[in-house]
PDB file of N, CA and C in Angstrom:
ATOM      1  N   MET A   1      -8.658 -56.849  51.607  1.00  0.00           N
ATOM      2  CA  MET A   1      -7.236 -56.973  51.003  1.00  0.00           C
ATOM      3  C   MET A   1      -6.577 -57.106  52.520  1.00  0.00           C
ATOM      4  N   GLU A   2      -5.569 -58.873  52.623  1.00  0.00           N
ATOM      5  CA  GLU A   2      -5.243 -58.935  54.198  1.00  0.00           C
ATOM      6  C   GLU A   2      -3.963 -57.771  53.913  1.00  0.00           C
ATOM      7  N   ILE A   3      -3.591 -57.135  55.505  1.00  0.00           N
ATOM      8  CA  ILE A   3      -2.420 -56.417  55.838  1.00  0.00           C
ATOM      9  C   ILE A   3      -1.570 -57.205  55.199  1.00  0.00           C
ATOM     10  N   LYS A   4      -0.764 -57.975  54.983  1.00  0.00           N
ATOM     11  CA  LYS A   4       0.580 -58.648  54.316  1.00  0.00           C
ATOM     12  C   LYS A   4       0.532 -58.501  53.004  1.00  0.00           C
ATOM     13  N   ASP A   5      -0.685 -58.748  52.623  1.00  0.00           N
ATOM     14  CA  ASP A   5      -0.706 -59.181  50.948  1.00  0.00           C
ATOM     15  C   ASP A   5      -0.459 -56.911  50.456  1.00  0.00           C
ATOM     16  N   ALA A   6      -0.710 -56.572  51.529  1.00  0.00           N
ATOM     17  CA  ALA A   6      -1.331 -55.006  51.066  1.00  0.00           C
ATOM     18  C   ALA A   6       0.900 -54.538  51.895  1.00  0.00           C
ATOM     19  N   ALA A   7       0.778 -54.863  52.658  1.00  0.00           N
ATOM     20  CA  ALA A   7       2.321 -54.434  53.229  1.00  0.00           C
ATOM     21  C   ALA A   7       2.846 -54.878  51.429  1.00  0.00           C
ATOM     22  N   LYS A   8       3.000 -56.246  51.282  1.00  0.00           N
ATOM     23  CA  LYS A   8       4.074 -57.025  50.028  1.00  0.00           C
ATOM     24  C   LYS A   8       4.053 -56.191  49.294  1.00  0.00           C
ATOM     25  N   ARG A   9       2.423 -55.292  48.583  1.00  0.00           N
ATOM     26  CA  ARG A   9       2.624 -54.824  47.266  1.00  0.00           C
ATOM     27  C   ARG A   9       3.502 -53.640  47.640  1.00  0.00           C
ATOM     28  N   GLU A  10       3.457 -52.853  49.163  1.00  0.00           N
ATOM     29  CA  GLU A  10       3.965 -51.550  49.170  1.00  0.00           C
ATOM     30  C   GLU A  10       5.481 -51.944  48.935  1.00  0.00           C
ATOM     31  N   MET A  11       5.637 -52.992  50.018  1.00  0.00           N
ATOM     32  CA  MET A  11       7.281 -53.491  49.944  1.00  0.00           C
ATOM     33  C   MET A  11       8.235 -53.091  48.175  1.00  0.00           C
ATOM     34  N   GLU A  12       7.228 -54.209  47.138  1.00  0.00           N
ATOM     35  CA  GLU A  12       7.239 -53.861  45.617  1.00  0.00           C
ATOM     36  C   GLU A  12       7.388 -52.703  44.756  1.00  0.00           C
ATOM     37  N   ARG A  13       6.321 -51.911  45.054  1.00  0.00           N
ATOM     38  CA  ARG A  13       6.636 -50.409  44.345  1.00  0.00           C
ATOM     39  C   ARG A  13       7.948 -49.855  45.548  1.00  0.00           C
ATOM     40  N   MET A  14       8.313 -49.234  46.675  1.00  0.00           N
ATOM     41  CA  MET A  14       9.415 -48.867  47.083  1.00  0.00           C
ATOM     42  C   MET A  14      10.426 -49.783  46.234  1.00  0.00           C
ATOM     43  N   LYS A  15      10.738 -50.889  46.076  1.00  0.00           N
ATOM     44  CA  LYS A  15      11.914 -51.514  45.445  1.00  0.00           C
ATOM     45  C   LYS A  15      12.001 -51.056  44.035  1.00  0.00           C
ATOM     46  N   GLU A  16      10.857 -50.976  43.155  1.00  0.00           N
ATOM     47  CA  GLU A  16      10.851 -49.834  42.094  1.00  0.00           C
ATOM     48  C   GLU A  16      10.990 -48.811  42.033  1.00  0.00           C
ATOM     49  N   ILE A  17      10.897 -48.120  43.247  1.00  0.00           N
ATOM     50  CA  ILE A  17      10.986 -46.723  42.858  1.00  0.00           C
ATOM     51  C   ILE A  17      12.506 -46.345  43.785  1.00  0.00           C
ATOM     52  N   PHE A  18      13.144 -47.637  44.591  1.00  0.00           N
ATOM     53  CA  PHE A  18      14.833 -46.832  44.857  1.00  0.00           C
ATOM     54  C   PHE A  18      15.381 -47.171  43.337  1.00  0.00           C
ATOM     55  N   ASP A  19      14.521 -48.071  42.347  1.00  0.00           N
ATOM     56  CA  ASP A  19      15.248 -48.822  41.923  1.00  0.00           C
ATOM     57  C   ASP A  19      15.782 -47.654  40.903  1.00  0.00           C
ATOM     58  N   ASN A  20      14.931 -46.557  40.326  1.00  0.00           N
ATOM     59  CA  ASN A  20      14.422 -46.330  39.567  1.00  0.00           C
ATOM     60  C   ASN A  20      14.372 -44.670  40.094  1.00  0.00           C
ATOM     61  N   ILE A  21      15.267 -43.737  41.029  1.00  0.00           N
ATOM     62  CA  ILE A  21      15.548 -42.406  41.592  1.00  0.00           C
ATOM     63  C   ILE A  21      16.367 -42.026  41.163  1.00  0.00           C
ATOM     64  N   GLU A  22      16.897 -40.559  41.442  1.00  0.00           N
ATOM     65  CA  GLU A  22      18.269 -40.349  41.311  1.00  0.00           C
ATOM     66  C   GLU A  22      17.814 -39.006  41.638  1.00  0.00           C
ATOM     67  N   ILE A  23      18.940 -39.052  43.158  1.00  0.00           N
ATOM     68  CA  ILE A  23      18.830 -37.804  43.828  1.00  0.00           C
ATOM     69  C   ILE A  23      19.688 -36.606  43.648  1.00  0.00           C
ATOM     70  N   ILE A  24      19.183 -35.611  42.976  1.00  0.00           N
ATOM     71  CA  ILE A  24      19.941 -34.524  42.366  1.00  0.00           C
ATOM     72  C   ILE A  24      20.940 -33.700  43.496  1.00  0.00           C
ATOM     73  N   ASN A  25      22.117 -33.719  43.110  1.00  0.00           N
ATOM     74  CA  ASN A  25      23.518 -33.137  44.570  1.00  0.00           C
ATOM     75  C   ASN A  25      22.815 -32.610  45.526  1.00  0.00           C
ATOM     76  N   ASN A  26      22.197 -32.130  46.545  1.00  0.00           N
ATOM     77  CA  ASN A  26      22.547 -30.870  47.727  1.00  0.00           C
ATOM     78  C   ASN A  26      22.434 -32.066  49.149  1.00  0.00           C
ATOM     79  N   LYS A  27      22.395 -31.555  50.209  1.00  0.00           N
ATOM     80  CA  LYS A  27      22.302 -32.538  51.709  1.00  0.00           C
ATOM     81  C   LYS A  27      20.804 -32.362  51.775  1.00  0.00           C
ATOM     82  N   ASN A  28      20.016 -31.793  51.518  1.00  0.00           N
ATOM     83  CA  ASN A  28      18.731 -31.878  51.940  1.00  0.00           C
ATOM     84  C   ASN A  28      18.145 -33.768  50.896  1.00  0.00           C
ATOM     85  N   ALA A  29      18.422 -33.083  50.062  1.00  0.00           N
ATOM     86  CA  ALA A  29      18.129 -34.772  48.999  1.00  0.00           C
ATOM     87  C   ALA A  29      18.394 -36.221  49.670  1.00  0.00           C
ATOM     88  N   ASP A  30      20.194 -36.057  50.191  1.00  0.00           N
ATOM     89  CA  ASP A  30      20.445 -37.075  50.624  1.00  0.00           C
ATOM     90  C   ASP A  30      19.789 -37.574  52.122  1.00  0.00           C
ATOM     91  N   GLU A  31      19.450 -36.441  53.224  1.00  0.00           N
ATOM     92  CA  GLU A  31      18.810 -37.140  54.081  1.00  0.00           C
ATOM     93  C   GLU A  31      17.457 -37.727  54.100  1.00  0.00           C
ATOM     94  N   PHE A  32      16.763 -36.576  53.072  1.00  0.00           N
ATOM     95  CA  PHE A  32      15.310 -37.180  53.145  1.00  0.00           C
ATOM     96  C   PHE A  32      15.796 -38.775  51.925  1.00  0.00           C
ATOM     97  N   TYR A  33      16.441 -38.952  51.103  1.00  0.00           N
ATOM     98  CA  TYR A  33      16.904 -40.313  51.028  1.00  0.00           C
ATOM     99  C   TYR A  33      17.167 -41.289  51.949  1.00  0.00           C
ATOM    100  N   SER A  34      18.199 -40.370  52.352  1.00  0.00           N
ATOM    101  CA  SER A  34      18.329 -41.237  54.024  1.00  0.00           C
ATOM    102  C   SER A  34      17.264 -41.425  54.804  1.00  0.00           C
ATOM    103  N   PHE A  35      16.513 -40.988  55.140  1.00  0.00           N
ATOM    104  CA  PHE A  35      15.390 -41.262  56.411  1.00  0.00           C
ATOM    105  C   PHE A  35      14.508 -42.472  55.090  1.00  0.00           C
ATOM    106  N   ALA A  36      14.283 -42.062  54.000  1.00  0.00           N
ATOM    107  CA  ALA A  36      12.680 -43.381  53.058  1.00  0.00           C
ATOM    108  C   ALA A  36      14.051 -44.780  52.761  1.00  0.00           C
ATOM    109  N   GLU A  37      14.900 -44.705  52.276  1.00  0.00           N
ATOM    110  CA  GLU A  37      16.002 -46.059  52.294  1.00  0.00           C
ATOM    111  C   GLU A  37      16.065 -46.988  54.525  1.00  0.00           C
ATOM    112  N   ASN A  38      16.179 -45.697  55.370  1.00  0.00           N
ATOM    113  CA  ASN A  38      15.780 -46.352  56.860  1.00  0.00           C
ATOM    114  C   ASN A  38      14.540 -46.739  56.949  1.00  0.00           C
ATOM    115  N   TYR A  39      13.616 -46.269  56.780  1.00  0.00           N
ATOM    116  CA  TYR A  39      11.943 -46.742  56.632  1.00  0.00           C
ATOM    117  C   TYR A  39      12.462 -47.553  56.339  1.00  0.00           C
ATOM    118  N   PHE A  40      12.717 -48.071  54.760  1.00  0.00           N
ATOM    119  CA  PHE A  40      11.876 -49.679  54.123  1.00  0.00           C
ATOM    120  C   PHE A  40      12.463 -50.440  54.298  1.00  0.00           C
ATOM    121  N   GLU A  41      13.907 -50.323  54.995  1.00  0.00           N
ATOM    122  CA  GLU A  41      15.040 -51.251  55.623  1.00  0.00           C
ATOM    123  C   GLU A  41      14.024 -51.807  56.361  1.00  0.00           C
ATOM    124  N   ASP A  42      13.797 -51.062  57.563  1.00  0.00           N
ATOM    125  CA  ASP A  42      13.058 -51.136  58.773  1.00  0.00           C
ATOM    126  C   ASP A  42      11.837 -52.307  58.178  1.00  0.00           C
ATOM    127  N   GLY A  43      11.059 -51.811  56.909  1.00  0.00           N
ATOM    128  CA  GLY A  43       9.894 -52.388  56.897  1.00  0.00           C
ATOM    129  C   GLY A  43      10.104 -53.800  55.855  1.00  0.00           C
ATOM    130  N   LYS A  44      10.984 -54.509  55.093  1.00  0.00           N
ATOM    131  CA  LYS A  44      11.949 -55.752  55.085  1.00  0.00           C
ATOM    132  C   LYS A  44      11.845 -56.062  56.392  1.00  0.00           C
ATOM    133  N   TYR A  45      12.020 -55.396  57.533  1.00  0.00           N
ATOM    134  CA  TYR A  45      13.009 -56.502  59.036  1.00  0.00           C
ATOM    135  C   TYR A  45      12.008 -56.365  59.393  1.00  0.00           C
ATOM    136  N   PHE A  46      10.339 -56.347  59.672  1.00  0.00           N
ATOM    137  CA  PHE A  46       9.440 -56.505  60.304  1.00  0.00           C
ATOM    138  C   PHE A  46       8.316 -56.951  59.306  1.00  0.00           C
ATOM    139  N   PHE A  47       9.003 -56.938  57.860  1.00  0.00           N
ATOM    140  CA  PHE A  47       7.866 -58.550  57.294  1.00  0.00           C
ATOM    141  C   PHE A  47       8.697 -59.364  57.440  1.00  0.00           C
ATOM    142  N   GLU A  48       9.997 -59.118  57.422  1.00  0.00           N
ATOM    143  CA  GLU A  48      10.144 -60.841  57.654  1.00  0.00           C
ATOM    144  C   GLU A  48      10.316 -61.383  59.461  1.00  0.00           C
ATOM    145  N   LYS A  49       9.718 -60.680  59.901  1.00  0.00           N
ATOM    146  CA  LYS A  49       9.496 -60.894  61.068  1.00  0.00           C
ATOM    147  C   LYS A  49       7.679 -61.740  61.722  1.00  0.00           C
ATOM    148  N   GLY A  50       7.230 -61.291  60.061  1.00  0.00           N
ATOM    149  CA  GLY A  50       6.056 -61.321  60.536  1.00  0.00           C
ATOM    150  C   GLY A  50       4.717 -59.690  61.592  1.00  0.00           C
ATOM    151  N   LYS A  51       5.809 -58.986  60.825  1.00  0.00           N
ATOM    152  CA  LYS A  51       4.854 -57.676  61.869  1.00  0.00           C
ATOM    153  C   LYS A  51       4.686 -57.311  60.605  1.00  0.00           C
ATOM    154  N   TYR A  52       3.326 -57.393  59.629  1.00  0.00           N
ATOM    155  CA  TYR A  52       2.665 -56.456  58.209  1.00  0.00           C
ATOM    156  C   TYR A  52       2.349 -55.381  58.711  1.00  0.00           C
ATOM    157  N   ILE A  53       1.403 -55.499  60.026  1.00  0.00           N
ATOM    158  CA  ILE A  53       1.135 -53.758  60.002  1.00  0.00           C
ATOM    159  C   ILE A  53       1.926 -52.569  60.266  1.00  0.00           C
ATOM    160  N   GLU A  54       3.633 -52.921  60.896  1.00  0.00           N
ATOM    161  CA  GLU A  54       4.359 -52.101  61.149  1.00  0.00           C
ATOM    162  C   GLU A  54       5.120 -51.907  60.173  1.00  0.00           C
ATOM    163  N   ALA A  55       5.689 -53.280  58.933  1.00  0.00           N
ATOM    164  CA  ALA A  55       5.970 -53.775  57.635  1.00  0.00           C
ATOM    165  C   ALA A  55       5.384 -52.165  57.050  1.00  0.00           C
ATOM    166  N   PHE A  56       3.934 -52.097  56.711  1.00  0.00           N
ATOM    167  CA  PHE A  56       2.749 -51.568  56.067  1.00  0.00           C
ATOM    168  C   PHE A  56       3.370 -49.786  56.384  1.00  0.00           C
ATOM    169  N   GLU A  57       3.152 -49.788  57.626  1.00  0.00           N
ATOM    170  CA  GLU A  57       3.586 -48.543  57.797  1.00  0.00           C
ATOM    171  C   GLU A  57       5.632 -47.750  57.658  1.00  0.00           C
ATOM    172  N   ALA A  58       5.904 -48.621  57.992  1.00  0.00           N
ATOM    173  CA  ALA A  58       7.267 -47.829  57.210  1.00  0.00           C
ATOM    174  C   ALA A  58       7.623 -47.968  55.425  1.00  0.00           C
ATOM    175  N   PHE A  59       6.904 -48.936  54.810  1.00  0.00           N
ATOM    176  CA  PHE A  59       6.804 -48.059  53.702  1.00  0.00           C
ATOM    177  C   PHE A  59       6.030 -47.093  52.915  1.00  0.00           C
ATOM    178  N   ILE A  60       5.048 -47.148  54.223  1.00  0.00           N
ATOM    179  CA  ILE A  60       4.370 -45.530  53.836  1.00  0.00           C
ATOM    180  C   ILE A  60       5.229 -44.494  53.586  1.00  0.00           C
ATOM    181  N   ILE A  61       5.806 -44.272  55.285  1.00  0.00           N
ATOM    182  CA  ILE A  61       6.420 -43.858  55.309  1.00  0.00           C
ATOM    183  C   ILE A  61       7.466 -43.397  54.872  1.00  0.00           C
ATOM    184  N   SER A  62       8.619 -44.476  54.614  1.00  0.00           N
ATOM    185  CA  SER A  62       9.964 -43.920  52.925  1.00  0.00           C
ATOM    186  C   SER A  62       8.659 -43.549  51.966  1.00  0.00           C
ATOM    187  N   TRP A  63       7.548 -43.965  51.513  1.00  0.00           N
ATOM    188  CA  TRP A  63       7.653 -43.745  50.152  1.00  0.00           C
ATOM    189  C   TRP A  63       7.230 -41.826  49.643  1.00  0.00           C
ATOM    190  N   ALA A  64       6.624 -41.383  51.440  1.00  0.00           N
ATOM    191  CA  ALA A  64       6.017 -39.621  52.095  1.00  0.00           C
ATOM    192  C   ALA A  64       7.309 -39.369  51.880  1.00  0.00           C
ATOM    193  N   TYR A  65       8.693 -39.646  52.728  1.00  0.00           N
ATOM    194  CA  TYR A  65       9.651 -38.874  52.257  1.00  0.00           C
ATOM    195  C   TYR A  65      10.337 -39.045  50.838  1.00  0.00           C
ATOM    196  N   ILE A  66       9.507 -39.968  49.725  1.00  0.00           N
ATOM    197  CA  ILE A  66      10.824 -39.845  48.065  1.00  0.00           C
ATOM    198  C   ILE A  66       9.755 -38.667  47.744  1.00  0.00           C
ATOM    199  N   ASP A  67       8.182 -38.394  48.038  1.00  0.00           N
ATOM    200  CA  ASP A  67       7.150 -38.044  47.742  1.00  0.00           C
ATOM    201  C   ASP A  67       8.023 -36.374  47.485  1.00  0.00           C
ATOM    202  N   ALA A  68       7.671 -36.662  49.264  1.00  0.00           N
ATOM    203  CA  ALA A  68       7.656 -35.020  49.650  1.00  0.00           C
ATOM    204  C   ALA A  68       9.229 -34.484  49.270  1.00  0.00           C
ATOM    205  N   GLY A  69      10.752 -34.909  48.258  1.00  0.00           N
ATOM    206  CA  GLY A  69      11.155 -35.299  48.213  1.00  0.00           C
ATOM    207  C   GLY A  69      11.574 -34.678  45.988  1.00  0.00           C
ATOM    208  N   VAL A  70      10.333 -35.419  46.251  1.00  0.00           N
ATOM    209  CA  VAL A  70      10.030 -35.673  44.065  1.00  0.00           C
ATOM    210  C   VAL A  70       9.641 -34.016  44.913  1.00  0.00           C
ATOM    211  N   LYS A  71       8.880 -33.711  45.442  1.00  0.00           N
ATOM    212  CA  LYS A  71       7.916 -32.378  45.071  1.00  0.00           C
ATOM    213  C   LYS A  71       8.949 -31.206  45.713  1.00  0.00           C
ATOM    214  N   LEU A  72      10.088 -31.088  46.052  1.00  0.00           N
ATOM    215  CA  LEU A  72      10.629 -30.441  46.755  1.00  0.00           C
ATOM    216  C   LEU A  72      11.812 -30.899  45.432  1.00  0.00           C
ATOM    217  N   ASP A  73      12.101 -30.620  44.871  1.00  0.00           N
ATOM    218  CA  ASP A  73      13.246 -31.457  43.322  1.00  0.00           C
ATOM    219  C   ASP A  73      14.380 -31.903  44.005  1.00  0.00           C
ATOM    220  N   PHE A  74      14.331 -32.708  45.113  1.00  0.00           N
ATOM    221  CA  PHE A  74      15.401 -33.301  45.633  1.00  0.00           C
ATOM    222  C   PHE A  74      15.830 -34.799  44.916  1.00  0.00           C
ATOM    223  N   PHE A  75      15.108 -35.045  44.451  1.00  0.00           N
ATOM    224  CA  PHE A  75      15.138 -36.291  43.241  1.00  0.00           C
ATOM    225  C   PHE A  75      14.226 -36.107  42.053  1.00  0.00           C
ATOM    226  N   LYS A  76      14.838 -36.745  41.374  1.00  0.00           N
ATOM    227  CA  LYS A  76      14.617 -36.646  39.488  1.00  0.00           C
ATOM    228  C   LYS A  76      14.065 -38.609  40.012  1.00  0.00           C
ATOM    229  N   VAL A  77      12.816 -39.142  39.363  1.00  0.00           N
ATOM    230  CA  VAL A  77      12.182 -40.113  38.937  1.00  0.00           C
ATOM    231  C   VAL A  77      11.710 -40.479  37.472  1.00  0.00           C
ATOM    232  N   ASP A  78      12.083 -41.414  37.422  1.00  0.00           N
ATOM    233  CA  ASP A  78      11.617 -41.890  35.931  1.00  0.00           C
ATOM    234  C   ASP A  78      10.371 -41.670  35.316  1.00  0.00           C
ATOM    235  N   LYS A  79      10.053 -41.392  34.465  1.00  0.00           N
ATOM    236  CA  LYS A  79       8.650 -41.336  33.916  1.00  0.00           C
ATOM    237  C   LYS A  79       8.224 -42.565  34.529  1.00  0.00           C
ATOM    238  N   LYS A  80       7.939 -43.715  34.857  1.00  0.00           N
ATOM    239  CA  LYS A  80       7.376 -45.177  34.621  1.00  0.00           C
ATOM    240  C   LYS A  80       7.296 -44.382  35.411  1.00  0.00           C
ATOM    241  N   ILE A  81       7.361 -43.668  36.348  1.00  0.00           N
ATOM    242  CA  ILE A  81       7.146 -44.598  37.891  1.00  0.00           C
ATOM    243  C   ILE A  81       6.082 -43.119  38.506  1.00  0.00           C
ATOM    244  N   ARG A  82       5.873 -42.381  37.841  1.00  0.00           N
ATOM    245  CA  ARG A  82       5.475 -40.778  38.231  1.00  0.00           C
ATOM    246  C   ARG A  82       3.863 -40.974  38.912  1.00  0.00           C
ATOM    247  N   LYS A  83       3.105 -42.860  38.223  1.00  0.00           N
ATOM    248  CA  LYS A  83       2.331 -42.498  38.636  1.00  0.00           C
ATOM    249  C   LYS A  83       1.768 -43.185  39.679  1.00  0.00           C
ATOM    250  N   TYR A  84       3.250 -42.840  40.385  1.00  0.00           N
ATOM    251  CA  TYR A  84       3.523 -43.343  42.182  1.00  0.00           C
ATOM    252  C   TYR A  84       3.130 -41.642  43.434  1.00  0.00           C
ATOM    253  N   PHE A  85       3.539 -40.682  42.250  1.00  0.00           N
ATOM    254  CA  PHE A  85       3.697 -39.402  43.675  1.00  0.00           C
ATOM    255  C   PHE A  85       2.553 -38.617  43.262  1.00  0.00           C
ATOM    256  N   THR A  86       2.610 -37.694  43.822  1.00  0.00           N
ATOM    257  CA  THR A  86       1.199 -36.905  44.230  1.00  0.00           C
ATOM    258  C   THR A  86       1.405 -35.214  43.061  1.00  0.00           C
ATOM    259  N   SER A  87       3.170 -35.591  42.960  1.00  0.00           N
ATOM    260  CA  SER A  87       2.917 -34.014  41.924  1.00  0.00           C
ATOM    261  C   SER A  87       3.114 -34.307  40.529  1.00  0.00           C
TER     262      SER A  87
END
């Protein structure tokens, strides 16, 4: 698989995650969400610039923040996207 395809797949996965996540109201959840969202936005920027490795990395870091937040009960995720998480 080409890195461009991998980056695009991760971008689409993260969009689906952000569309189906609920923040549990606490300070740490907001921080984790903000970090994840910023990395996601960075990834989209890199993707648009043709920097697919950087985009892929940013999407993975974004996912890691959400995944950790799910484990820490900072986020509630829809059952249809639970498959994306390690918890």
